[in-house]
PDB file of all heavy atoms in Angstrom:
ATOM      1  N   LYS A   1       2.952  -5.852  16.608  1.00  0.00           N
ATOM      2  CA  LYS A   1       1.974  -5.619  17.659  1.00  0.00           C
ATOM      3  C   LYS A   1       0.595  -6.038  17.155  1.00  0.00           C
ATOM      4  O   LYS A   1       0.366  -6.067  15.935  1.00  0.00           O
ATOM      5  CB  LYS A   1       1.963  -4.129  18.009  1.00  0.00           C
ATOM      6  CG  LYS A   1       3.298  -3.610  18.510  1.00  0.00           C
ATOM      7  CD  LYS A   1       3.297  -2.099  18.638  1.00  0.00           C
ATOM      8  CE  LYS A   1       3.493  -1.420  17.318  1.00  0.00           C
ATOM      9  NZ  LYS A   1       3.722   0.032  17.457  1.00  0.00           N
ATOM     10  N   PRO A   2      -0.325  -6.333  18.058  1.00  0.00           N
ATOM     11  CA  PRO A   2      -1.677  -6.715  17.600  1.00  0.00           C
ATOM     12  C   PRO A   2      -2.302  -5.680  16.666  1.00  0.00           C
ATOM     13  O   PRO A   2      -3.036  -6.056  15.748  1.00  0.00           O
ATOM     14  CB  PRO A   2      -2.450  -6.838  18.917  1.00  0.00           C
ATOM     15  CG  PRO A   2      -1.409  -7.249  19.912  1.00  0.00           C
ATOM     16  CD  PRO A   2      -0.173  -6.487  19.506  1.00  0.00           C
ATOM     17  N   GLU A   3      -2.007  -4.422  16.853  1.00  0.00           N
ATOM     18  CA  GLU A   3      -2.581  -3.390  15.985  1.00  0.00           C
ATOM     19  C   GLU A   3      -1.995  -3.396  14.570  1.00  0.00           C
ATOM     20  O   GLU A   3      -2.466  -2.662  13.699  1.00  0.00           O
ATOM     21  CB  GLU A   3      -2.436  -1.999  16.601  1.00  0.00           C
ATOM     22  CG  GLU A   3      -1.044  -1.650  17.059  1.00  0.00           C
ATOM     23  CD  GLU A   3      -0.840  -1.912  18.541  1.00  0.00           C
ATOM     24  OE1 GLU A   3      -1.261  -2.988  19.037  1.00  0.00           O
ATOM     25  OE2 GLU A   3      -0.232  -1.037  19.203  1.00  0.00           O
ATOM     26  N   ASP A   4      -0.971  -4.208  14.335  1.00  0.00           N
ATOM     27  CA  ASP A   4      -0.455  -4.383  12.983  1.00  0.00           C
ATOM     28  C   ASP A   4      -1.252  -5.415  12.190  1.00  0.00           C
ATOM     29  O   ASP A   4      -0.993  -5.620  10.989  1.00  0.00           O
ATOM     30  CB  ASP A   4       1.017  -4.799  13.015  1.00  0.00           C
ATOM     31  CG  ASP A   4       1.918  -3.735  13.608  1.00  0.00           C
ATOM     32  OD1 ASP A   4       1.738  -2.546  13.262  1.00  0.00           O
ATOM     33  OD2 ASP A   4       2.789  -4.089  14.429  1.00  0.00           O
ATOM     34  N   THR A   5      -2.195  -6.063  12.845  1.00  0.00           N
ATOM     35  CA  THR A   5      -3.039  -7.046  12.165  1.00  0.00           C
ATOM     36  C   THR A   5      -3.832  -6.382  11.048  1.00  0.00           C
ATOM     37  O   THR A   5      -4.551  -5.406  11.277  1.00  0.00           O
ATOM     38  CB  THR A   5      -3.991  -7.719  13.159  1.00  0.00           C
ATOM     39  OG1 THR A   5      -3.222  -8.483  14.094  1.00  0.00           O
ATOM     40  CG2 THR A   5      -4.979  -8.638  12.440  1.00  0.00           C
ATOM     41  N   ALA A   6      -3.667  -6.903   9.840  1.00  0.00           N
ATOM     42  CA  ALA A   6      -4.311  -6.305   8.669  1.00  0.00           C
ATOM     43  C   ALA A   6      -3.983  -7.157   7.449  1.00  0.00           C
ATOM     44  O   ALA A   6      -3.126  -8.040   7.510  1.00  0.00           O
ATOM     45  CB  ALA A   6      -3.815  -4.879   8.433  1.00  0.00           C
ATOM     46  N   VAL A   7      -4.663  -6.858   6.363  1.00  0.00           N
ATOM     47  CA  VAL A   7      -4.251  -7.365   5.059  1.00  0.00           C
ATOM     48  C   VAL A   7      -3.330  -6.324   4.442  1.00  0.00           C
ATOM     49  O   VAL A   7      -3.666  -5.133   4.413  1.00  0.00           O
ATOM     50  CB  VAL A   7      -5.455  -7.639   4.140  1.00  0.00           C
ATOM     51  CG1 VAL A   7      -4.978  -8.180   2.795  1.00  0.00           C
ATOM     52  CG2 VAL A   7      -6.420  -8.615   4.800  1.00  0.00           C
ATOM     53  N   TYR A   8      -2.186  -6.774   3.966  1.00  0.00           N
ATOM     54  CA  TYR A   8      -1.174  -5.872   3.415  1.00  0.00           C
ATOM     55  C   TYR A   8      -1.144  -5.992   1.893  1.00  0.00           C
ATOM     56  O   TYR A   8      -1.152  -7.098   1.347  1.00  0.00           O
ATOM     57  CB  TYR A   8       0.191  -6.207   4.007  1.00  0.00           C
ATOM     58  CG  TYR A   8       0.340  -5.755   5.429  1.00  0.00           C
ATOM     59  CD1 TYR A   8      -0.356  -6.385   6.467  1.00  0.00           C
ATOM     60  CD2 TYR A   8       1.147  -4.668   5.764  1.00  0.00           C
ATOM     61  CE1 TYR A   8      -0.245  -5.951   7.781  1.00  0.00           C
ATOM     62  CE2 TYR A   8       1.274  -4.233   7.074  1.00  0.00           C
ATOM     63  CZ  TYR A   8       0.579  -4.877   8.072  1.00  0.00           C
ATOM     64  OH  TYR A   8       0.693  -4.446   9.371  1.00  0.00           O
ATOM     65  N   TYR A   9      -1.081  -4.834   1.248  1.00  0.00           N
ATOM     66  CA  TYR A   9      -1.079  -4.743  -0.204  1.00  0.00           C
ATOM     67  C   TYR A   9       0.077  -3.868  -0.675  1.00  0.00           C
ATOM     68  O   TYR A   9       0.507  -2.955   0.031  1.00  0.00           O
ATOM     69  CB  TYR A   9      -2.368  -4.086  -0.712  1.00  0.00           C
ATOM     70  CG  TYR A   9      -3.652  -4.739  -0.303  1.00  0.00           C
ATOM     71  CD1 TYR A   9      -4.277  -4.410   0.906  1.00  0.00           C
ATOM     72  CD2 TYR A   9      -4.284  -5.667  -1.128  1.00  0.00           C
ATOM     73  CE1 TYR A   9      -5.478  -4.988   1.274  1.00  0.00           C
ATOM     74  CE2 TYR A   9      -5.484  -6.246  -0.766  1.00  0.00           C
ATOM     75  CZ  TYR A   9      -6.070  -5.904   0.440  1.00  0.00           C
ATOM     76  OH  TYR A   9      -7.270  -6.491   0.796  1.00  0.00           O
ATOM     77  N   CYS A  10       0.522  -4.122  -1.893  1.00  0.00           N
ATOM     78  CA  CYS A  10       1.470  -3.226  -2.531  1.00  0.00           C
ATOM     79  C   CYS A  10       0.809  -2.633  -3.773  1.00  0.00           C
ATOM     80  O   CYS A  10      -0.145  -3.200  -4.313  1.00  0.00           O
ATOM     81  CB  CYS A  10       2.750  -3.948  -2.915  1.00  0.00           C
ATOM     82  SG  CYS A  10       2.517  -5.272  -4.100  1.00  0.00           S
ATOM     83  N   ALA A  11       1.320  -1.495  -4.213  1.00  0.00           N
ATOM     84  CA  ALA A  11       0.754  -0.856  -5.398  1.00  0.00           C
ATOM     85  C   ALA A  11       1.692   0.232  -5.897  1.00  0.00           C
ATOM     86  O   ALA A  11       2.349   0.900  -5.083  1.00  0.00           O
ATOM     87  CB  ALA A  11      -0.608  -0.245  -5.083  1.00  0.00           C
ATOM     88  N   PRO A  12       1.725   0.441  -7.215  1.00  0.00           N
ATOM     89  CA  PRO A  12       2.434   1.619  -7.740  1.00  0.00           C
ATOM     90  C   PRO A  12       1.714   2.880  -7.245  1.00  0.00           C
ATOM     91  O   PRO A  12       0.473   2.923  -7.225  1.00  0.00           O
ATOM     92  CB  PRO A  12       2.306   1.465  -9.251  1.00  0.00           C
ATOM     93  CG  PRO A  12       1.950   0.035  -9.480  1.00  0.00           C
ATOM     94  CD  PRO A  12       1.172  -0.379  -8.293  1.00  0.00           C
ATOM     95  N   VAL A  13       2.483   3.882  -6.859  1.00  0.00           N
ATOM     96  CA  VAL A  13       1.892   5.102  -6.302  1.00  0.00           C
ATOM     97  C   VAL A  13       2.387   6.332  -7.042  1.00  0.00           C
ATOM     98  O   VAL A  13       3.408   6.302  -7.729  1.00  0.00           O
ATOM     99  CB  VAL A  13       2.201   5.235  -4.800  1.00  0.00           C
ATOM    100  CG1 VAL A  13       1.586   4.083  -4.016  1.00  0.00           C
ATOM    101  CG2 VAL A  13       3.708   5.298  -4.561  1.00  0.00           C
ATOM    102  N   ALA A  14       1.657   7.418  -6.852  1.00  0.00           N
ATOM    103  CA  ALA A  14       2.019   8.674  -7.488  1.00  0.00           C
ATOM    104  C   ALA A  14       3.376   9.154  -6.976  1.00  0.00           C
ATOM    105  O   ALA A  14       3.683   9.017  -5.791  1.00  0.00           O
ATOM    106  CB  ALA A  14       0.945   9.717  -7.210  1.00  0.00           C
ATOM    107  N   ARG A  15       4.145   9.700  -7.883  1.00  0.00           N
ATOM    108  CA  ARG A  15       5.474  10.188  -7.504  1.00  0.00           C
ATOM    109  C   ARG A  15       5.756  11.533  -8.172  1.00  0.00           C
ATOM    110  O   ARG A  15       5.124  11.894  -9.157  1.00  0.00           O
ATOM    111  CB  ARG A  15       6.556   9.190  -7.897  1.00  0.00           C
ATOM    112  CG  ARG A  15       6.739   9.016  -9.393  1.00  0.00           C
ATOM    113  CD  ARG A  15       7.912   8.100  -9.701  1.00  0.00           C
ATOM    114  NE  ARG A  15       8.053   7.817 -11.122  1.00  0.00           N
ATOM    115  CZ  ARG A  15       8.758   8.559 -11.960  1.00  0.00           C
ATOM    116  NH1 ARG A  15       9.372   9.646 -11.528  1.00  0.00           N
ATOM    117  NH2 ARG A  15       8.849   8.220 -13.234  1.00  0.00           N
ATOM    118  N   LEU A  16       6.693  12.260  -7.616  1.00  0.00           N
ATOM    119  CA  LEU A  16       7.219  13.481  -8.203  1.00  0.00           C
ATOM    120  C   LEU A  16       8.720  13.304  -8.307  1.00  0.00           C
ATOM    121  O   LEU A  16       9.389  13.160  -7.276  1.00  0.00           O
ATOM    122  CB  LEU A  16       6.867  14.702  -7.347  1.00  0.00           C
ATOM    123  CG  LEU A  16       7.451  16.022  -7.845  1.00  0.00           C
ATOM    124  CD1 LEU A  16       6.873  16.359  -9.220  1.00  0.00           C
ATOM    125  CD2 LEU A  16       7.138  17.149  -6.860  1.00  0.00           C
ATOM    126  N   ASN A  17       9.216  13.279  -9.502  1.00  0.00           N
ATOM    127  CA  ASN A  17      10.610  12.891  -9.739  1.00  0.00           C
ATOM    128  C   ASN A  17      10.814  11.509  -9.134  1.00  0.00           C
ATOM    129  O   ASN A  17      10.112  10.583  -9.484  1.00  0.00           O
ATOM    130  CB  ASN A  17      11.554  13.950  -9.176  1.00  0.00           C
ATOM    131  CG  ASN A  17      11.353  15.293  -9.853  1.00  0.00           C
ATOM    132  OD1 ASN A  17      11.172  15.356 -11.069  1.00  0.00           O
ATOM    133  ND2 ASN A  17      11.345  16.359  -9.070  1.00  0.00           N
ATOM    134  N   SER A  18      11.742  11.340  -8.230  1.00  0.00           N
ATOM    135  CA  SER A  18      11.987  10.008  -7.681  1.00  0.00           C
ATOM    136  C   SER A  18      11.254   9.763  -6.375  1.00  0.00           C
ATOM    137  O   SER A  18      11.364   8.674  -5.798  1.00  0.00           O
ATOM    138  CB  SER A  18      13.485   9.797  -7.481  1.00  0.00           C
ATOM    139  OG  SER A  18      13.986  10.724  -6.544  1.00  0.00           O
ATOM    140  N   ASP A  19      10.503  10.751  -5.904  1.00  0.00           N
ATOM    141  CA  ASP A  19       9.903  10.683  -4.567  1.00  0.00           C
ATOM    142  C   ASP A  19       8.424  10.322  -4.601  1.00  0.00           C
ATOM    143  O   ASP A  19       7.696  10.710  -5.514  1.00  0.00           O
ATOM    144  CB  ASP A  19      10.054  12.031  -3.863  1.00  0.00           C
ATOM    145  CG  ASP A  19      11.502  12.413  -3.667  1.00  0.00           C
ATOM    146  OD1 ASP A  19      12.339  11.499  -3.512  1.00  0.00           O
ATOM    147  OD2 ASP A  19      11.798  13.618  -3.681  1.00  0.00           O
ATOM    148  N   CYS A  20       7.986   9.650  -3.566  1.00  0.00           N
ATOM    149  CA  CYS A  20       6.566   9.345  -3.403  1.00  0.00           C
ATOM    150  C   CYS A  20       5.821  10.618  -3.031  1.00  0.00           C
ATOM    151  O   CYS A  20       6.306  11.405  -2.225  1.00  0.00           O
ATOM    152  CB  CYS A  20       6.360   8.316  -2.293  1.00  0.00           C
ATOM    153  SG  CYS A  20       7.346   6.824  -2.462  1.00  0.00           S
ATOM    154  N   ILE A  21       4.648  10.800  -3.588  1.00  0.00           N
ATOM    155  CA  ILE A  21       3.803  11.930  -3.217  1.00  0.00           C
ATOM    156  C   ILE A  21       2.928  11.507  -2.042  1.00  0.00           C
ATOM    157  O   ILE A  21       2.332  10.427  -2.052  1.00  0.00           O
ATOM    158  CB  ILE A  21       2.939  12.378  -4.412  1.00  0.00           C
ATOM    159  CG1 ILE A  21       3.820  12.967  -5.521  1.00  0.00           C
ATOM    160  CG2 ILE A  21       1.896  13.412  -3.977  1.00  0.00           C
ATOM    161  CD1 ILE A  21       3.071  13.328  -6.773  1.00  0.00           C
ATOM    162  N   LEU A  22       2.857  12.379  -1.040  1.00  0.00           N
ATOM    163  CA  LEU A  22       2.042  12.093   0.138  1.00  0.00           C
ATOM    164  C   LEU A  22       0.758  12.917   0.107  1.00  0.00           C
ATOM    165  O   LEU A  22       0.792  14.071  -0.319  1.00  0.00           O
ATOM    166  CB  LEU A  22       2.839  12.408   1.407  1.00  0.00           C
ATOM    167  CG  LEU A  22       4.168  11.671   1.560  1.00  0.00           C
ATOM    168  CD1 LEU A  22       4.861  12.116   2.841  1.00  0.00           C
ATOM    169  CD2 LEU A  22       3.962  10.179   1.542  1.00  0.00           C
ATOM    170  N   PRO A  23      -0.352  12.370   0.580  1.00  0.00           N
ATOM    171  CA  PRO A  23      -0.505  10.996   1.059  1.00  0.00           C
ATOM    172  C   PRO A  23      -0.386   9.999  -0.081  1.00  0.00           C
ATOM    173  O   PRO A  23      -0.640  10.328  -1.240  1.00  0.00           O
ATOM    174  CB  PRO A  23      -1.914  10.987   1.654  1.00  0.00           C
ATOM    175  CG  PRO A  23      -2.644  12.041   0.879  1.00  0.00           C
ATOM    176  CD  PRO A  23      -1.618  13.105   0.605  1.00  0.00           C
ATOM    177  N   LEU A  24       0.025   8.787   0.252  1.00  0.00           N
ATOM    178  CA  LEU A  24       0.209   7.774  -0.763  1.00  0.00           C
ATOM    179  C   LEU A  24      -1.098   7.508  -1.501  1.00  0.00           C
ATOM    180  O   LEU A  24      -2.158   7.385  -0.882  1.00  0.00           O
ATOM    181  CB  LEU A  24       0.715   6.478  -0.131  1.00  0.00           C
ATOM    182  CG  LEU A  24       2.084   6.565   0.562  1.00  0.00           C
ATOM    183  CD1 LEU A  24       2.481   5.199   1.112  1.00  0.00           C
ATOM    184  CD2 LEU A  24       3.144   7.103  -0.369  1.00  0.00           C
ATOM    185  N   SER A  25      -0.974   7.405  -2.810  1.00  0.00           N
ATOM    186  CA  SER A  25      -2.156   7.206  -3.644  1.00  0.00           C
ATOM    187  C   SER A  25      -1.815   6.226  -4.754  1.00  0.00           C
ATOM    188  O   SER A  25      -0.926   6.483  -5.562  1.00  0.00           O
ATOM    189  CB  SER A  25      -2.612   8.540  -4.238  1.00  0.00           C
ATOM    190  OG  SER A  25      -3.674   8.348  -5.152  1.00  0.00           O
ATOM    191  N   ALA A  26      -2.518   5.100  -4.751  1.00  0.00           N
ATOM    192  CA  ALA A  26      -2.319   4.135  -5.826  1.00  0.00           C
ATOM    193  C   ALA A  26      -2.764   4.754  -7.143  1.00  0.00           C
ATOM    194  O   ALA A  26      -3.798   5.422  -7.216  1.00  0.00           O
ATOM    195  CB  ALA A  26      -3.109   2.863  -5.545  1.00  0.00           C
ATOM    196  N   ILE A  27      -1.975   4.549  -8.170  1.00  0.00           N
ATOM    197  CA  ILE A  27      -2.264   5.209  -9.445  1.00  0.00           C
ATOM    198  C   ILE A  27      -3.087   4.338 -10.393  1.00  0.00           C
ATOM    199  O   ILE A  27      -3.564   4.829 -11.411  1.00  0.00           O
ATOM    200  CB  ILE A  27      -0.978   5.678 -10.132  1.00  0.00           C
ATOM    201  CG1 ILE A  27      -0.023   4.508 -10.398  1.00  0.00           C
ATOM    202  CG2 ILE A  27      -0.305   6.744  -9.303  1.00  0.00           C
ATOM    203  CD1 ILE A  27       1.212   4.916 -11.171  1.00  0.00           C
ATOM    204  N   TYR A  28      -3.252   3.077 -10.085  1.00  0.00           N
ATOM    205  CA  TYR A  28      -4.098   2.226 -10.908  1.00  0.00           C
ATOM    206  C   TYR A  28      -5.250   1.696 -10.062  1.00  0.00           C
ATOM    207  O   TYR A  28      -5.103   1.447  -8.869  1.00  0.00           O
ATOM    208  CB  TYR A  28      -3.300   1.054 -11.478  1.00  0.00           C
ATOM    209  CG  TYR A  28      -2.198   1.483 -12.411  1.00  0.00           C
ATOM    210  CD1 TYR A  28      -0.858   1.254 -12.088  1.00  0.00           C
ATOM    211  CD2 TYR A  28      -2.479   2.130 -13.603  1.00  0.00           C
ATOM    212  CE1 TYR A  28       0.158   1.646 -12.939  1.00  0.00           C
ATOM    213  CE2 TYR A  28      -1.464   2.533 -14.454  1.00  0.00           C
ATOM    214  CZ  TYR A  28      -0.157   2.286 -14.116  1.00  0.00           C
ATOM    215  OH  TYR A  28       0.846   2.686 -14.964  1.00  0.00           O
ATOM    216  N   ASN A  29      -6.364   1.489 -10.694  1.00  0.00           N
ATOM    217  CA  ASN A  29      -7.523   0.937  -9.997  1.00  0.00           C
ATOM    218  C   ASN A  29      -7.417  -0.583 -10.009  1.00  0.00           C
ATOM    219  O   ASN A  29      -8.229  -1.295 -10.605  1.00  0.00           O
ATOM    220  CB  ASN A  29      -8.816   1.393 -10.677  1.00  0.00           C
ATOM    221  CG  ASN A  29     -10.034   0.945  -9.915  1.00  0.00           C
ATOM    222  OD1 ASN A  29      -9.979   0.739  -8.705  1.00  0.00           O
ATOM    223  ND2 ASN A  29     -11.146   0.782 -10.603  1.00  0.00           N
ATOM    224  N   TYR A  30      -6.360  -1.041  -9.339  1.00  0.00           N
ATOM    225  CA  TYR A  30      -6.103  -2.485  -9.296  1.00  0.00           C
ATOM    226  C   TYR A  30      -5.389  -2.785  -7.987  1.00  0.00           C
ATOM    227  O   TYR A  30      -4.463  -2.083  -7.594  1.00  0.00           O
ATOM    228  CB  TYR A  30      -5.209  -2.914 -10.467  1.00  0.00           C
ATOM    229  CG  TYR A  30      -4.673  -4.314 -10.321  1.00  0.00           C
ATOM    230  CD1 TYR A  30      -5.410  -5.407 -10.752  1.00  0.00           C
ATOM    231  CD2 TYR A  30      -3.438  -4.545  -9.707  1.00  0.00           C
ATOM    232  CE1 TYR A  30      -4.928  -6.699 -10.581  1.00  0.00           C
ATOM    233  CE2 TYR A  30      -2.949  -5.828  -9.538  1.00  0.00           C
ATOM    234  CZ  TYR A  30      -3.692  -6.895  -9.983  1.00  0.00           C
ATOM    235  OH  TYR A  30      -3.222  -8.170  -9.814  1.00  0.00           O
ATOM    236  N   TRP A  31      -5.841  -3.828  -7.352  1.00  0.00           N
ATOM    237  CA  TRP A  31      -5.191  -4.319  -6.138  1.00  0.00           C
ATOM    238  C   TRP A  31      -5.024  -5.818  -6.235  1.00  0.00           C
ATOM    239  O   TRP A  31      -5.903  -6.518  -6.742  1.00  0.00           O
ATOM    240  CB  TRP A  31      -6.018  -3.982  -4.896  1.00  0.00           C
ATOM    241  CG  TRP A  31      -6.136  -2.527  -4.649  1.00  0.00           C
ATOM    242  CD1 TRP A  31      -7.127  -1.692  -5.070  1.00  0.00           C
ATOM    243  CD2 TRP A  31      -5.200  -1.689  -3.951  1.00  0.00           C
ATOM    244  NE1 TRP A  31      -6.872  -0.394  -4.676  1.00  0.00           N
ATOM    245  CE2 TRP A  31      -5.703  -0.377  -3.979  1.00  0.00           C
ATOM    246  CE3 TRP A  31      -3.991  -1.927  -3.295  1.00  0.00           C
ATOM    247  CZ2 TRP A  31      -5.025   0.687  -3.375  1.00  0.00           C
ATOM    248  CZ3 TRP A  31      -3.327  -0.875  -2.699  1.00  0.00           C
ATOM    249  CH2 TRP A  31      -3.847   0.426  -2.748  1.00  0.00           C
ATOM    250  N   GLY A  32      -3.884  -6.318  -5.751  1.00  0.00           N
ATOM    251  CA  GLY A  32      -3.706  -7.745  -5.645  1.00  0.00           C
ATOM    252  C   GLY A  32      -4.562  -8.308  -4.528  1.00  0.00           C
ATOM    253  O   GLY A  32      -5.382  -7.597  -3.933  1.00  0.00           O
ATOM    254  N   ARG A  33      -4.370  -9.560  -4.236  1.00  0.00           N
ATOM    255  CA  ARG A  33      -5.164 -10.207  -3.176  1.00  0.00           C
ATOM    256  C   ARG A  33      -4.683  -9.810  -1.779  1.00  0.00           C
ATOM    257  O   ARG A  33      -5.404  -9.990  -0.791  1.00  0.00           O
ATOM    258  CB  ARG A  33      -5.095 -11.723  -3.319  1.00  0.00           C
ATOM    259  CG  ARG A  33      -5.820 -12.239  -4.544  1.00  0.00           C
ATOM    260  CD  ARG A  33      -5.897 -13.760  -4.529  1.00  0.00           C
ATOM    261  NE  ARG A  33      -6.745 -14.267  -5.592  1.00  0.00           N
ATOM    262  CZ  ARG A  33      -7.074 -15.541  -5.744  1.00  0.00           C
ATOM    263  NH1 ARG A  33      -6.620 -16.445  -4.886  1.00  0.00           N
ATOM    264  NH2 ARG A  33      -7.847 -15.921  -6.739  1.00  0.00           N
ATOM    265  N   GLY A  34      -3.485  -9.303  -1.706  1.00  0.00           N
ATOM    266  CA  GLY A  34      -2.945  -8.953  -0.402  1.00  0.00           C
ATOM    267  C   GLY A  34      -2.453 -10.179   0.348  1.00  0.00           C
ATOM    268  O   GLY A  34      -2.634 -11.327  -0.078  1.00  0.00           O
ATOM    269  N   THR A  35      -1.827  -9.935   1.483  1.00  0.00           N
ATOM    270  CA  THR A  35      -1.374 -11.017   2.345  1.00  0.00           C
ATOM    271  C   THR A  35      -1.776 -10.683   3.771  1.00  0.00           C
ATOM    272  O   THR A  35      -1.568  -9.557   4.251  1.00  0.00           O
ATOM    273  CB  THR A  35       0.146 -11.243   2.201  1.00  0.00           C
ATOM    274  OG1 THR A  35       0.536 -12.394   2.946  1.00  0.00           O
ATOM    275  CG2 THR A  35       0.970 -10.047   2.637  1.00  0.00           C
ATOM    276  N   GLN A  36      -2.381 -11.653   4.437  1.00  0.00           N
ATOM    277  CA  GLN A  36      -2.916 -11.433   5.780  1.00  0.00           C
ATOM    278  C   GLN A  36      -1.810 -11.540   6.817  1.00  0.00           C
ATOM    279  O   GLN A  36      -1.060 -12.527   6.843  1.00  0.00           O
ATOM    280  CB  GLN A  36      -4.001 -12.463   6.088  1.00  0.00           C
ATOM    281  CG  GLN A  36      -4.529 -12.410   7.518  1.00  0.00           C
ATOM    282  CD  GLN A  36      -5.388 -11.196   7.782  1.00  0.00           C
ATOM    283  OE1 GLN A  36      -6.288 -10.869   7.014  1.00  0.00           O
ATOM    284  NE2 GLN A  36      -5.110 -10.498   8.886  1.00  0.00           N
ATOM    285  N   VAL A  37      -1.732 -10.548   7.663  1.00  0.00           N
ATOM    286  CA  VAL A  37      -0.832 -10.567   8.817  1.00  0.00           C
ATOM    287  C   VAL A  37      -1.695 -10.526  10.067  1.00  0.00           C
ATOM    288  O   VAL A  37      -2.515  -9.617  10.239  1.00  0.00           O
ATOM    289  CB  VAL A  37       0.130  -9.372   8.789  1.00  0.00           C
ATOM    290  CG1 VAL A  37       0.927  -9.295  10.089  1.00  0.00           C
ATOM    291  CG2 VAL A  37       1.074  -9.473   7.590  1.00  0.00           C
ATOM    292  N   THR A  38      -1.510 -11.513  10.914  1.00  0.00           N
ATOM    293  CA  THR A  38      -2.253 -11.573  12.173  1.00  0.00           C
ATOM    294  C   THR A  38      -1.260 -11.664  13.318  1.00  0.00           C
ATOM    295  O   THR A  38      -0.416 -12.563  13.346  1.00  0.00           O
ATOM    296  CB  THR A  38      -3.195 -12.779  12.212  1.00  0.00           C
ATOM    297  OG1 THR A  38      -4.097 -12.714  11.106  1.00  0.00           O
ATOM    298  CG2 THR A  38      -3.994 -12.800  13.505  1.00  0.00           C
ATOM    299  N   VAL A  39      -1.342 -10.710  14.217  1.00  0.00           N
ATOM    300  CA  VAL A  39      -0.439 -10.675  15.370  1.00  0.00           C
ATOM    301  C   VAL A  39      -1.269 -10.971  16.612  1.00  0.00           C
ATOM    302  O   VAL A  39      -2.119 -10.161  17.013  1.00  0.00           O
ATOM    303  CB  VAL A  39       0.256  -9.317  15.500  1.00  0.00           C
ATOM    304  CG1 VAL A  39       1.283  -9.362  16.635  1.00  0.00           C
ATOM    305  CG2 VAL A  39       0.926  -8.933  14.173  1.00  0.00           C
TER     306      VAL A  39
END
């Protein structure tokens, strides 16, 4: 949908055992360039 338009990034996030901790929080102060999605 048009509202999905954004730059998308991936990152390692905080976890507890095997599960992601919410809200999602990147654990390193590093981001890739991302990839642009335009709808």
